Every structure is written in structure tokens, then in C-alpha cells.
Amino acid sequence: MKKIVNRLQRIEGQVRALQGLIEEGTDCEKIVTQFKAAKSALDSCFAELMNENLQKCLANKDTEEMKKILKLLVKK
């Protein structure tokens, strides 16, 4: 989980930088680029977290927990 926390801290820095760009009135292209980078980093971090949790469920043969996670993933 330390790896995930470190990634989230980097993402937090990206989001703060994005806020700064918006507050400074930076051109739209730079803002969109940074926004997409932060979104991609967050998506990647989420995928890693889900992978770790599902791997634990498989290793522990915890089908109930796995069902809960999968239900959350497909919930709209």
C-alpha cells in the first residue's frame, strides 16, 4: 500500500499544479494537457489498487469480498 500512497501524493501535487495553472489563467491547451495527465495517473493508481485487492482476495479465496469489489466497479 505504500506504493499506492506515494502515487496518490504525486497525483495530489499534479492537481495542485493544475489549480495553479487555472488560477494564473494559463492557456487552455496547457490546462487540458495537465488535466489529462492527472486523470491518467489517477486511473492508473486505481487500477493498481484494484489489482492488489483482487489478488489478495484470490490468494485468500475470499469470494465474498471479491463480489463486493466487482459490484462496486460496475455500479453506476
N, C-alpha and C. Protein backbone atom coordinates (compact mmCIF):
# COMPACT_ATOMS: atom_id res chain seq x y z
N MET A 1 0.81 -1.20 0.00
CA MET A 1 0.00 0.00 0.00
C MET A 1 0.86 1.27 0.00
N LYS A 2 2.09 1.15 0.45
CA LYS A 2 2.97 2.32 0.47
C LYS A 2 3.15 2.87 -0.94
N LYS A 3 3.26 1.98 -1.92
CA LYS A 3 3.41 2.39 -3.32
C LYS A 3 2.20 3.20 -3.78
N ILE A 4 1.02 2.75 -3.40
CA ILE A 4 -0.21 3.45 -3.76
C ILE A 4 -0.25 4.83 -3.11
N VAL A 5 0.09 4.89 -1.85
CA VAL A 5 0.09 6.18 -1.13
C VAL A 5 1.07 7.15 -1.78
N ASN A 6 2.24 6.67 -2.15
CA ASN A 6 3.23 7.52 -2.81
C ASN A 6 2.69 8.06 -4.14
N ARG A 7 2.03 7.19 -4.90
CA ARG A 7 1.46 7.62 -6.18
C ARG A 7 0.38 8.67 -5.95
N LEU A 8 -0.45 8.47 -4.93
CA LEU A 8 -1.51 9.44 -4.63
C LEU A 8 -0.92 10.79 -4.22
N GLN A 9 0.20 10.76 -3.52
CA GLN A 9 0.85 12.02 -3.15
C GLN A 9 1.37 12.75 -4.38
N ARG A 10 1.90 12.02 -5.35
CA ARG A 10 2.35 12.65 -6.59
C ARG A 10 1.15 13.22 -7.36
N ILE A 11 0.06 12.49 -7.37
CA ILE A 11 -1.15 12.96 -8.04
C ILE A 11 -1.67 14.22 -7.36
N GLU A 12 -1.60 14.25 -6.05
CA GLU A 12 -2.01 15.44 -5.30
C GLU A 12 -1.20 16.65 -5.75
N GLY A 13 0.10 16.46 -5.95
CA GLY A 13 0.95 17.53 -6.44
C GLY A 13 0.55 17.97 -7.84
N GLN A 14 0.20 17.01 -8.68
CA GLN A 14 -0.26 17.35 -10.04
C GLN A 14 -1.54 18.18 -9.99
N VAL A 15 -2.45 17.81 -9.12
CA VAL A 15 -3.72 18.53 -9.01
C VAL A 15 -3.49 19.95 -8.47
N ARG A 16 -2.60 20.08 -7.52
CA ARG A 16 -2.27 21.42 -7.02
C ARG A 16 -1.66 22.28 -8.12
N ALA A 17 -0.78 21.69 -8.91
CA ALA A 17 -0.18 22.41 -10.03
C ALA A 17 -1.25 22.81 -11.04
N LEU A 18 -2.20 21.94 -11.27
CA LEU A 18 -3.31 22.23 -12.17
C LEU A 18 -4.14 23.41 -11.65
N GLN A 19 -4.39 23.41 -10.36
CA GLN A 19 -5.10 24.54 -9.75
C GLN A 19 -4.35 25.84 -10.00
N GLY A 20 -3.04 25.79 -9.81
CA GLY A 20 -2.22 26.97 -10.04
C GLY A 20 -2.31 27.46 -11.47
N LEU A 21 -2.28 26.55 -12.42
CA LEU A 21 -2.40 26.93 -13.82
C LEU A 21 -3.73 27.63 -14.09
N ILE A 22 -4.78 27.11 -13.52
CA ILE A 22 -6.10 27.70 -13.71
C ILE A 22 -6.17 29.08 -13.07
N GLU A 23 -5.67 29.19 -11.84
CA GLU A 23 -5.69 30.47 -11.14
C GLU A 23 -4.85 31.53 -11.86
N GLU A 24 -3.76 31.09 -12.50
CA GLU A 24 -2.88 32.02 -13.22
C GLU A 24 -3.44 32.40 -14.59
N GLY A 25 -4.47 31.69 -15.02
CA GLY A 25 -5.04 31.98 -16.33
C GLY A 25 -4.21 31.43 -17.47
N THR A 26 -3.52 30.35 -17.22
CA THR A 26 -2.70 29.70 -18.24
C THR A 26 -3.58 29.28 -19.42
N ASP A 27 -2.97 29.23 -20.59
CA ASP A 27 -3.77 28.90 -21.78
C ASP A 27 -4.39 27.51 -21.66
N CYS A 28 -5.51 27.37 -22.33
CA CYS A 28 -6.36 26.18 -22.24
C CYS A 28 -5.62 24.90 -22.61
N GLU A 29 -4.76 24.95 -23.62
CA GLU A 29 -4.06 23.75 -24.07
C GLU A 29 -3.21 23.16 -22.96
N LYS A 30 -2.48 24.00 -22.22
CA LYS A 30 -1.64 23.51 -21.12
C LYS A 30 -2.50 22.93 -19.99
N ILE A 31 -3.62 23.59 -19.72
CA ILE A 31 -4.50 23.11 -18.66
C ILE A 31 -5.08 21.74 -19.03
N VAL A 32 -5.55 21.61 -20.26
CA VAL A 32 -6.12 20.33 -20.70
C VAL A 32 -5.06 19.23 -20.64
N THR A 33 -3.84 19.54 -21.07
CA THR A 33 -2.76 18.55 -21.05
C THR A 33 -2.50 18.08 -19.62
N GLN A 34 -2.40 19.02 -18.69
CA GLN A 34 -2.14 18.67 -17.30
C GLN A 34 -3.32 17.93 -16.68
N PHE A 35 -4.52 18.33 -17.04
CA PHE A 35 -5.72 17.68 -16.53
C PHE A 35 -5.75 16.22 -16.97
N LYS A 36 -5.46 15.98 -18.24
CA LYS A 36 -5.44 14.61 -18.77
C LYS A 36 -4.35 13.77 -18.10
N ALA A 37 -3.21 14.38 -17.83
CA ALA A 37 -2.11 13.66 -17.18
C ALA A 37 -2.51 13.26 -15.76
N ALA A 38 -3.15 14.17 -15.03
CA ALA A 38 -3.59 13.86 -13.67
C ALA A 38 -4.67 12.78 -13.68
N LYS A 39 -5.59 12.86 -14.61
CA LYS A 39 -6.65 11.86 -14.73
C LYS A 39 -6.07 10.50 -15.06
N SER A 40 -5.13 10.46 -15.97
CA SER A 40 -4.48 9.21 -16.34
C SER A 40 -3.73 8.60 -15.15
N ALA A 41 -3.05 9.44 -14.40
CA ALA A 41 -2.31 8.96 -13.22
C ALA A 41 -3.27 8.40 -12.17
N LEU A 42 -4.39 9.07 -11.98
CA LEU A 42 -5.38 8.60 -11.02
C LEU A 42 -6.00 7.28 -11.48
N ASP A 43 -6.32 7.17 -12.75
CA ASP A 43 -6.87 5.92 -13.29
C ASP A 43 -5.88 4.77 -13.12
N SER A 44 -4.62 5.05 -13.38
CA SER A 44 -3.58 4.03 -13.26
C SER A 44 -3.42 3.59 -11.80
N CYS A 45 -3.46 4.53 -10.90
CA CYS A 45 -3.35 4.23 -9.47
C CYS A 45 -4.54 3.39 -9.01
N PHE A 46 -5.72 3.75 -9.48
CA PHE A 46 -6.93 3.00 -9.15
C PHE A 46 -6.82 1.56 -9.64
N ALA A 47 -6.35 1.38 -10.86
CA ALA A 47 -6.19 0.04 -11.42
C ALA A 47 -5.21 -0.78 -10.58
N GLU A 48 -4.13 -0.16 -10.16
CA GLU A 48 -3.13 -0.86 -9.33
C GLU A 48 -3.74 -1.27 -7.98
N LEU A 49 -4.51 -0.37 -7.38
CA LEU A 49 -5.16 -0.67 -6.11
C LEU A 49 -6.14 -1.84 -6.27
N MET A 50 -6.94 -1.81 -7.33
CA MET A 50 -7.90 -2.89 -7.57
C MET A 50 -7.17 -4.20 -7.82
N ASN A 51 -6.09 -4.17 -8.57
CA ASN A 51 -5.30 -5.37 -8.82
C ASN A 51 -4.79 -5.97 -7.52
N GLU A 52 -4.23 -5.14 -6.65
CA GLU A 52 -3.72 -5.63 -5.37
C GLU A 52 -4.83 -6.25 -4.53
N ASN A 53 -5.97 -5.56 -4.46
CA ASN A 53 -7.07 -6.07 -3.65
C ASN A 53 -7.63 -7.37 -4.20
N LEU A 54 -7.80 -7.44 -5.50
CA LEU A 54 -8.32 -8.67 -6.10
C LEU A 54 -7.33 -9.82 -5.96
N GLN A 55 -6.04 -9.53 -6.07
CA GLN A 55 -5.02 -10.58 -5.87
C GLN A 55 -5.09 -11.14 -4.45
N LYS A 56 -5.29 -10.25 -3.46
CA LYS A 56 -5.43 -10.70 -2.07
C LYS A 56 -6.66 -11.58 -1.92
N CYS A 57 -7.76 -11.17 -2.54
CA CYS A 57 -8.99 -11.96 -2.46
C CYS A 57 -8.78 -13.35 -3.06
N LEU A 58 -8.10 -13.40 -4.19
CA LEU A 58 -7.83 -14.69 -4.83
C LEU A 58 -6.93 -15.57 -3.95
N ALA A 59 -5.90 -14.97 -3.40
CA ALA A 59 -4.96 -15.71 -2.56
C ALA A 59 -5.65 -16.26 -1.32
N ASN A 60 -6.58 -15.48 -0.77
CA ASN A 60 -7.30 -15.88 0.45
C ASN A 60 -8.59 -16.63 0.14
N LYS A 61 -8.87 -16.80 -1.16
CA LYS A 61 -10.12 -17.45 -1.60
C LYS A 61 -11.34 -16.79 -0.99
N ASP A 62 -11.28 -15.45 -0.91
CA ASP A 62 -12.37 -14.64 -0.32
C ASP A 62 -13.32 -14.20 -1.43
N THR A 63 -14.20 -15.09 -1.81
CA THR A 63 -15.11 -14.78 -2.93
C THR A 63 -16.13 -13.71 -2.57
N GLU A 64 -16.51 -13.64 -1.32
CA GLU A 64 -17.49 -12.62 -0.92
C GLU A 64 -16.91 -11.21 -1.07
N GLU A 65 -15.68 -11.03 -0.63
CA GLU A 65 -15.02 -9.72 -0.78
C GLU A 65 -14.82 -9.39 -2.25
N MET A 66 -14.46 -10.38 -3.03
CA MET A 66 -14.28 -10.17 -4.46
C MET A 66 -15.60 -9.74 -5.11
N LYS A 67 -16.68 -10.36 -4.73
CA LYS A 67 -18.00 -9.99 -5.25
C LYS A 67 -18.34 -8.55 -4.90
N LYS A 68 -18.02 -8.13 -3.67
CA LYS A 68 -18.27 -6.75 -3.25
C LYS A 68 -17.48 -5.75 -4.10
N ILE A 69 -16.22 -6.06 -4.33
CA ILE A 69 -15.36 -5.18 -5.13
C ILE A 69 -15.88 -5.09 -6.56
N LEU A 70 -16.20 -6.23 -7.14
CA LEU A 70 -16.70 -6.24 -8.52
C LEU A 70 -18.03 -5.50 -8.64
N LYS A 71 -18.87 -5.65 -7.63
CA LYS A 71 -20.16 -4.94 -7.65
C LYS A 71 -19.93 -3.43 -7.62
N LEU A 72 -18.99 -2.98 -6.82
CA LEU A 72 -18.66 -1.55 -6.78
C LEU A 72 -18.12 -1.05 -8.11
N LEU A 73 -17.33 -1.88 -8.77
CA LEU A 73 -16.72 -1.48 -10.04
C LEU A 73 -17.75 -1.30 -11.14
N VAL A 74 -18.80 -2.09 -11.13
CA VAL A 74 -19.79 -1.99 -12.20
C VAL A 74 -20.98 -1.12 -11.82
N LYS A 75 -21.02 -0.65 -10.58
CA LYS A 75 -22.11 0.20 -10.10
C LYS A 75 -22.09 1.55 -10.84
N LYS A 76 -23.25 2.00 -11.26
CA LYS A 76 -23.34 3.27 -11.98
C LYS A 76 -23.85 4.36 -11.10
